[in-house]
Amino acid sequence: MRLFIVQTGSDYALLEWFGGHDPDKGDVLIGDFKHFGFRDFTYRNDEDRTSRFYIDDYGLSKSTAMEKLIEKCG
C-alpha cells in the first residue's frame, strides 16, 4: 500500500496509489481531489505522465491528514 498526503489548495487529501507514474515529492498533480474513489491524474510538467489513485479522504487539515495516514499505516 502506497499512501500519500496531497495538499489541494488550503486543505489536504489522503490518496492511495494504484499505478501509473510513481509520484515523487514536489510533483504537481492535475485532477479532481473533491470526490471519493478512483481518479486518474496527470502531472503539470508532463501531461503524458498519468497516475491512478484512490481518494480515501479529502478536505482535511494537515494534522488530520497525518493522523489518518498513521492510522492506515499502523
PDB file of N, CA and C in Angstrom:
ATOM      1  N   MET A   1       0.856  -1.173   0.000  1.00  0.00           N
ATOM      2  CA  MET A   1       0.000   0.000   0.000  1.00  0.00           C
ATOM      3  C   MET A   1       0.898   1.231   0.000  1.00  0.00           C
ATOM      4  N   ARG A   2       0.666   2.126  -0.949  1.00  0.00           N
ATOM      5  CA  ARG A   2       1.416   3.387  -1.042  1.00  0.00           C
ATOM      6  C   ARG A   2       0.441   4.532  -0.839  1.00  0.00           C
ATOM      7  N   LEU A   3       0.499   5.138   0.336  1.00  0.00           N
ATOM      8  CA  LEU A   3      -0.383   6.246   0.674  1.00  0.00           C
ATOM      9  C   LEU A   3       0.368   7.562   0.577  1.00  0.00           C
ATOM     10  N   PHE A   4      -0.354   8.592   0.183  1.00  0.00           N
ATOM     11  CA  PHE A   4       0.222   9.921   0.037  1.00  0.00           C
ATOM     12  C   PHE A   4      -0.715  10.952   0.636  1.00  0.00           C
ATOM     13  N   ILE A   5      -0.132  11.988   1.219  1.00  0.00           N
ATOM     14  CA  ILE A   5      -0.886  13.175   1.595  1.00  0.00           C
ATOM     15  C   ILE A   5      -0.582  14.211   0.527  1.00  0.00           C
ATOM     16  N   VAL A   6      -1.642  14.813  -0.008  1.00  0.00           N
ATOM     17  CA  VAL A   6      -1.500  15.796  -1.076  1.00  0.00           C
ATOM     18  C   VAL A   6      -2.154  17.095  -0.631  1.00  0.00           C
ATOM     19  N   GLN A   7      -1.431  18.192  -0.781  1.00  0.00           N
ATOM     20  CA  GLN A   7      -2.021  19.497  -0.498  1.00  0.00           C
ATOM     21  C   GLN A   7      -2.848  19.911  -1.701  1.00  0.00           C
ATOM     22  N   THR A   8      -4.107  20.260  -1.441  1.00  0.00           N
ATOM     23  CA  THR A   8      -5.033  20.612  -2.520  1.00  0.00           C
ATOM     24  C   THR A   8      -5.544  22.031  -2.316  1.00  0.00           C
ATOM     25  N   GLY A   9      -4.641  22.982  -2.361  1.00  0.00           N
ATOM     26  CA  GLY A   9      -5.012  24.364  -2.074  1.00  0.00           C
ATOM     27  C   GLY A   9      -4.853  24.611  -0.588  1.00  0.00           C
ATOM     28  N   SER A  10      -5.969  24.913   0.080  1.00  0.00           N
ATOM     29  CA  SER A  10      -5.903  25.214   1.509  1.00  0.00           C
ATOM     30  C   SER A  10      -6.130  23.992   2.395  1.00  0.00           C
ATOM     31  N   ASP A  11      -6.424  22.843   1.790  1.00  0.00           N
ATOM     32  CA  ASP A  11      -6.621  21.636   2.589  1.00  0.00           C
ATOM     33  C   ASP A  11      -5.798  20.479   2.029  1.00  0.00           C
ATOM     34  N   TYR A  12      -6.046  19.272   2.543  1.00  0.00           N
ATOM     35  CA  TYR A  12      -5.239  18.111   2.190  1.00  0.00           C
ATOM     36  C   TYR A  12      -6.132  16.925   1.874  1.00  0.00           C
ATOM     37  N   ALA A  13      -5.589  16.001   1.077  1.00  0.00           N
ATOM     38  CA  ALA A  13      -6.289  14.769   0.740  1.00  0.00           C
ATOM     39  C   ALA A  13      -5.364  13.586   1.013  1.00  0.00           C
ATOM     40  N   LEU A  14      -5.966  12.442   1.317  1.00  0.00           N
ATOM     41  CA  LEU A  14      -5.225  11.204   1.522  1.00  0.00           C
ATOM     42  C   LEU A  14      -5.509  10.292   0.332  1.00  0.00           C
ATOM     43  N   LEU A  15      -4.460   9.947  -0.415  1.00  0.00           N
ATOM     44  CA  LEU A  15      -4.585   9.164  -1.637  1.00  0.00           C
ATOM     45  C   LEU A  15      -3.786   7.875  -1.534  1.00  0.00           C
ATOM     46  N   GLU A  16      -4.320   6.824  -2.151  1.00  0.00           N
ATOM     47  CA  GLU A  16      -3.580   5.571  -2.292  1.00  0.00           C
ATOM     48  C   GLU A  16      -3.256   5.375  -3.767  1.00  0.00           C
ATOM     49  N   TRP A  17      -1.988   5.137  -4.057  1.00  0.00           N
ATOM     50  CA  TRP A  17      -1.513   4.990  -5.429  1.00  0.00           C
ATOM     51  C   TRP A  17      -1.850   3.601  -5.955  1.00  0.00           C
ATOM     52  N   PHE A  18      -2.397   3.527  -7.179  1.00  0.00           N
ATOM     53  CA  PHE A  18      -2.779   2.259  -7.793  1.00  0.00           C
ATOM     54  C   PHE A  18      -2.144   2.030  -9.149  1.00  0.00           C
ATOM     55  N   GLY A  19      -1.157   2.817  -9.520  1.00  0.00           N
ATOM     56  CA  GLY A  19      -0.463   2.532 -10.767  1.00  0.00           C
ATOM     57  C   GLY A  19      -0.200   3.758 -11.601  1.00  0.00           C
ATOM     58  N   GLY A  20       0.562   3.519 -12.647  1.00  0.00           N
ATOM     59  CA  GLY A  20       0.989   4.613 -13.494  1.00  0.00           C
ATOM     60  C   GLY A  20       2.325   5.137 -13.020  1.00  0.00           C
ATOM     61  N   HIS A  21       2.568   6.398 -13.321  1.00  0.00           N
ATOM     62  CA  HIS A  21       3.825   7.020 -12.918  1.00  0.00           C
ATOM     63  C   HIS A  21       3.935   7.033 -11.395  1.00  0.00           C
ATOM     64  N   ASP A  22       5.074   6.635 -10.892  1.00  0.00           N
ATOM     65  CA  ASP A  22       5.329   6.625  -9.453  1.00  0.00           C
ATOM     66  C   ASP A  22       5.608   8.064  -9.005  1.00  0.00           C
ATOM     67  N   PRO A  23       4.717   8.664  -8.216  1.00  0.00           N
ATOM     68  CA  PRO A  23       4.886  10.082  -7.863  1.00  0.00           C
ATOM     69  C   PRO A  23       6.079  10.329  -6.941  1.00  0.00           C
ATOM     70  N   ASP A  24       6.647  11.514  -7.084  1.00  0.00           N
ATOM     71  CA  ASP A  24       7.759  11.966  -6.258  1.00  0.00           C
ATOM     72  C   ASP A  24       7.336  13.197  -5.473  1.00  0.00           C
ATOM     73  N   LYS A  25       8.018  13.451  -4.370  1.00  0.00           N
ATOM     74  CA  LYS A  25       7.779  14.653  -3.593  1.00  0.00           C
ATOM     75  C   LYS A  25       7.992  15.868  -4.496  1.00  0.00           C
ATOM     76  N   GLY A  26       7.060  16.797  -4.445  1.00  0.00           N
ATOM     77  CA  GLY A  26       7.153  18.002  -5.253  1.00  0.00           C
ATOM     78  C   GLY A  26       6.398  17.931  -6.567  1.00  0.00           C
ATOM     79  N   ASP A  27       5.969  16.727  -6.983  1.00  0.00           N
ATOM     80  CA  ASP A  27       5.159  16.623  -8.201  1.00  0.00           C
ATOM     81  C   ASP A  27       3.842  17.364  -8.009  1.00  0.00           C
ATOM     82  N   VAL A  28       3.356  17.973  -9.082  1.00  0.00           N
ATOM     83  CA  VAL A  28       2.077  18.675  -9.042  1.00  0.00           C
ATOM     84  C   VAL A  28       1.093  17.882  -9.883  1.00  0.00           C
ATOM     85  N   LEU A  29       0.045  17.396  -9.224  1.00  0.00           N
ATOM     86  CA  LEU A  29      -0.979  16.585  -9.887  1.00  0.00           C
ATOM     87  C   LEU A  29      -2.135  17.462 -10.337  1.00  0.00           C
ATOM     88  N   ILE A  30      -2.696  17.126 -11.494  1.00  0.00           N
ATOM     89  CA  ILE A  30      -3.855  17.831 -12.023  1.00  0.00           C
ATOM     90  C   ILE A  30      -5.013  16.838 -12.048  1.00  0.00           C
ATOM     91  N   GLY A  31      -6.104  17.182 -11.379  1.00  0.00           N
ATOM     92  CA  GLY A  31      -7.266  16.302 -11.349  1.00  0.00           C
ATOM     93  C   GLY A  31      -8.246  16.727 -10.272  1.00  0.00           C
ATOM     94  N   ASP A  32      -9.249  15.896 -10.063  1.00  0.00           N
ATOM     95  CA  ASP A  32     -10.349  16.171  -9.143  1.00  0.00           C
ATOM     96  C   ASP A  32     -10.074  15.506  -7.793  1.00  0.00           C
ATOM     97  N   PHE A  33      -9.770  16.319  -6.799  1.00  0.00           N
ATOM     98  CA  PHE A  33      -9.487  15.817  -5.455  1.00  0.00           C
ATOM     99  C   PHE A  33     -10.709  15.857  -4.549  1.00  0.00           C
ATOM    100  N   LYS A  34     -11.860  16.255  -5.043  1.00  0.00           N
ATOM    101  CA  LYS A  34     -13.029  16.516  -4.198  1.00  0.00           C
ATOM    102  C   LYS A  34     -14.096  15.434  -4.256  1.00  0.00           C
ATOM    103  N   HIS A  35     -13.706  14.203  -4.600  1.00  0.00           N
ATOM    104  CA  HIS A  35     -14.642  13.078  -4.608  1.00  0.00           C
ATOM    105  C   HIS A  35     -13.918  11.821  -4.153  1.00  0.00           C
ATOM    106  N   PHE A  36     -14.627  10.968  -3.436  1.00  0.00           N
ATOM    107  CA  PHE A  36     -14.062   9.687  -3.038  1.00  0.00           C
ATOM    108  C   PHE A  36     -13.968   8.754  -4.243  1.00  0.00           C
ATOM    109  N   GLY A  37     -13.069   7.791  -4.153  1.00  0.00           N
ATOM    110  CA  GLY A  37     -12.989   6.761  -5.170  1.00  0.00           C
ATOM    111  C   GLY A  37     -11.791   6.912  -6.076  1.00  0.00           C
ATOM    112  N   PHE A  38     -11.798   6.120  -7.147  1.00  0.00           N
ATOM    113  CA  PHE A  38     -10.680   6.098  -8.086  1.00  0.00           C
ATOM    114  C   PHE A  38     -10.717   7.314  -9.000  1.00  0.00           C
ATOM    115  N   ARG A  39      -9.527   7.891  -9.205  1.00  0.00           N
ATOM    116  CA  ARG A  39      -9.368   9.039 -10.105  1.00  0.00           C
ATOM    117  C   ARG A  39      -8.025   8.921 -10.814  1.00  0.00           C
ATOM    118  N   ASP A  40      -7.994   9.387 -12.050  1.00  0.00           N
ATOM    119  CA  ASP A  40      -6.750   9.461 -12.811  1.00  0.00           C
ATOM    120  C   ASP A  40      -6.257  10.898 -12.799  1.00  0.00           C
ATOM    121  N   PHE A  41      -4.953  11.063 -12.617  1.00  0.00           N
ATOM    122  CA  PHE A  41      -4.339  12.383 -12.550  1.00  0.00           C
ATOM    123  C   PHE A  41      -3.220  12.478 -13.565  1.00  0.00           C
ATOM    124  N   THR A  42      -3.008  13.683 -14.069  1.00  0.00           N
ATOM    125  CA  THR A  42      -1.843  13.963 -14.906  1.00  0.00           C
ATOM    126  C   THR A  42      -0.894  14.836 -14.093  1.00  0.00           C
ATOM    127  N   TYR A  43       0.293  15.027 -14.623  1.00  0.00           N
ATOM    128  CA  TYR A  43       1.321  15.818 -13.947  1.00  0.00           C
ATOM    129  C   TYR A  43       1.496  17.136 -14.683  1.00  0.00           C
ATOM    130  N   ARG A  44       1.566  18.220 -13.935  1.00  0.00           N
ATOM    131  CA  ARG A  44       1.608  19.553 -14.543  1.00  0.00           C
ATOM    132  C   ARG A  44       2.775  19.714 -15.511  1.00  0.00           C
ATOM    133  N   ASN A  45       3.943  19.209 -15.177  1.00  0.00           N
ATOM    134  CA  ASN A  45       5.114  19.406 -16.033  1.00  0.00           C
ATOM    135  C   ASN A  45       5.219  18.402 -17.174  1.00  0.00           C
ATOM    136  N   ASP A  46       4.373  17.374 -17.158  1.00  0.00           N
ATOM    137  CA  ASP A  46       4.417  16.359 -18.221  1.00  0.00           C
ATOM    138  C   ASP A  46       3.060  15.673 -18.288  1.00  0.00           C
ATOM    139  N   GLU A  47       2.152  16.229 -19.084  1.00  0.00           N
ATOM    140  CA  GLU A  47       0.794  15.706 -19.142  1.00  0.00           C
ATOM    141  C   GLU A  47       0.704  14.324 -19.782  1.00  0.00           C
ATOM    142  N   ASP A  48       1.815  13.815 -20.336  1.00  0.00           N
ATOM    143  CA  ASP A  48       1.827  12.443 -20.846  1.00  0.00           C
ATOM    144  C   ASP A  48       1.951  11.431 -19.712  1.00  0.00           C
ATOM    145  N   ARG A  49       2.436  11.892 -18.546  1.00  0.00           N
ATOM    146  CA  ARG A  49       2.532  11.015 -17.377  1.00  0.00           C
ATOM    147  C   ARG A  49       1.200  11.027 -16.638  1.00  0.00           C
ATOM    148  N   THR A  50       0.732   9.864 -16.264  1.00  0.00           N
ATOM    149  CA  THR A  50      -0.510   9.756 -15.501  1.00  0.00           C
ATOM    150  C   THR A  50      -0.319   8.787 -14.345  1.00  0.00           C
ATOM    151  N   SER A  51      -1.169   8.927 -13.355  1.00  0.00           N
ATOM    152  CA  SER A  51      -1.221   8.014 -12.220  1.00  0.00           C
ATOM    153  C   SER A  51      -2.670   7.785 -11.853  1.00  0.00           C
ATOM    154  N   ARG A  52      -2.937   6.620 -11.288  1.00  0.00           N
ATOM    155  CA  ARG A  52      -4.279   6.303 -10.797  1.00  0.00           C
ATOM    156  C   ARG A  52      -4.205   6.219  -9.280  1.00  0.00           C
ATOM    157  N   PHE A  53      -5.113   6.943  -8.627  1.00  0.00           N
ATOM    158  CA  PHE A  53      -5.177   6.975  -7.177  1.00  0.00           C
ATOM    159  C   PHE A  53      -6.597   6.669  -6.712  1.00  0.00           C
ATOM    160  N   TYR A  54      -6.676   6.157  -5.501  1.00  0.00           N
ATOM    161  CA  TYR A  54      -7.953   6.064  -4.804  1.00  0.00           C
ATOM    162  C   TYR A  54      -7.963   7.182  -3.771  1.00  0.00           C
ATOM    163  N   ILE A  55      -8.958   8.058  -3.842  1.00  0.00           N
ATOM    164  CA  ILE A  55      -9.055   9.146  -2.869  1.00  0.00           C
ATOM    165  C   ILE A  55      -9.783   8.605  -1.649  1.00  0.00           C
ATOM    166  N   ASP A  56      -9.005   8.421  -0.600  1.00  0.00           N
ATOM    167  CA  ASP A  56      -9.518   7.854   0.639  1.00  0.00           C
ATOM    168  C   ASP A  56     -10.257   8.903   1.462  1.00  0.00           C
ATOM    169  N   ASP A  57      -9.758  10.124   1.458  1.00  0.00           N
ATOM    170  CA  ASP A  57     -10.408  11.217   2.177  1.00  0.00           C
ATOM    171  C   ASP A  57      -9.900  12.542   1.616  1.00  0.00           C
ATOM    172  N   TYR A  58     -10.666  13.605   1.804  1.00  0.00           N
ATOM    173  CA  TYR A  58     -10.277  14.921   1.288  1.00  0.00           C
ATOM    174  C   TYR A  58     -10.880  16.007   2.162  1.00  0.00           C
ATOM    175  N   GLY A  59     -10.450  17.250   1.947  1.00  0.00           N
ATOM    176  CA  GLY A  59     -10.942  18.366   2.736  1.00  0.00           C
ATOM    177  C   GLY A  59     -10.417  18.344   4.169  1.00  0.00           C
ATOM    178  N   LEU A  60      -9.242  17.771   4.352  1.00  0.00           N
ATOM    179  CA  LEU A  60      -8.670  17.573   5.682  1.00  0.00           C
ATOM    180  C   LEU A  60      -7.700  18.682   6.058  1.00  0.00           C
ATOM    181  N   SER A  61      -7.567  18.906   7.356  1.00  0.00           N
ATOM    182  CA  SER A  61      -6.475  19.748   7.835  1.00  0.00           C
ATOM    183  C   SER A  61      -5.197  18.918   7.740  1.00  0.00           C
ATOM    184  N   LYS A  62      -4.058  19.579   7.811  1.00  0.00           N
ATOM    185  CA  LYS A  62      -2.788  18.859   7.734  1.00  0.00           C
ATOM    186  C   LYS A  62      -2.651  17.863   8.882  1.00  0.00           C
ATOM    187  N   SER A  63      -3.022  18.272  10.084  1.00  0.00           N
ATOM    188  CA  SER A  63      -2.886  17.372  11.234  1.00  0.00           C
ATOM    189  C   SER A  63      -3.827  16.169  11.129  1.00  0.00           C
ATOM    190  N   THR A  64      -5.042  16.376  10.652  1.00  0.00           N
ATOM    191  CA  THR A  64      -5.971  15.265  10.482  1.00  0.00           C
ATOM    192  C   THR A  64      -5.485  14.313   9.398  1.00  0.00           C
ATOM    193  N   ALA A  65      -4.948  14.861   8.313  1.00  0.00           N
ATOM    194  CA  ALA A  65      -4.399  14.018   7.243  1.00  0.00           C
ATOM    195  C   ALA A  65      -3.258  13.158   7.776  1.00  0.00           C
ATOM    196  N   MET A  66      -2.388  13.744   8.591  1.00  0.00           N
ATOM    197  CA  MET A  66      -1.273  12.988   9.175  1.00  0.00           C
ATOM    198  C   MET A  66      -1.795  11.893  10.105  1.00  0.00           C
ATOM    199  N   GLU A  67      -2.794  12.193  10.913  1.00  0.00           N
ATOM    200  CA  GLU A  67      -3.379  11.198  11.808  1.00  0.00           C
ATOM    201  C   GLU A  67      -3.962  10.032  11.035  1.00  0.00           C
ATOM    202  N   LYS A  68      -4.691  10.324   9.965  1.00  0.00           N
ATOM    203  CA  LYS A  68      -5.289   9.265   9.147  1.00  0.00           C
ATOM    204  C   LYS A  68      -4.220   8.423   8.448  1.00  0.00           C
ATOM    205  N   LEU A  69      -3.147   9.067   8.001  1.00  0.00           N
ATOM    206  CA  LEU A  69      -2.052   8.344   7.372  1.00  0.00           C
ATOM    207  C   LEU A  69      -1.418   7.376   8.369  1.00  0.00           C
ATOM    208  N   ILE A  70      -1.132   7.844   9.565  1.00  0.00           N
ATOM    209  CA  ILE A  70      -0.544   6.995  10.602  1.00  0.00           C
ATOM    210  C   ILE A  70      -1.473   5.858  10.963  1.00  0.00           C
ATOM    211  N   GLU A  71      -2.776   6.147  11.071  1.00  0.00           N
ATOM    212  CA  GLU A  71      -3.776   5.125  11.390  1.00  0.00           C
ATOM    213  C   GLU A  71      -3.799   4.026  10.321  1.00  0.00           C
ATOM    214  N   LYS A  72      -3.763   4.412   9.058  1.00  0.00           N
ATOM    215  CA  LYS A  72      -3.821   3.442   7.954  1.00  0.00           C
ATOM    216  C   LYS A  72      -2.545   2.612   7.862  1.00  0.00           C
ATOM    217  N   CYS A  73      -1.409   3.222   8.174  1.00  0.00           N
ATOM    218  CA  CYS A  73      -0.120   2.530   8.053  1.00  0.00           C
ATOM    219  C   CYS A  73       0.212   1.709   9.294  1.00  0.00           C
ATOM    220  N   GLY A  74      -0.424   2.015  10.405  1.00  0.00           N
ATOM    221  CA  GLY A  74      -0.097   1.361  11.664  1.00  0.00           C
ATOM    222  C   GLY A  74      -0.763   0.058  11.788  1.00  0.00           C
TER     223      GLY A  74
END
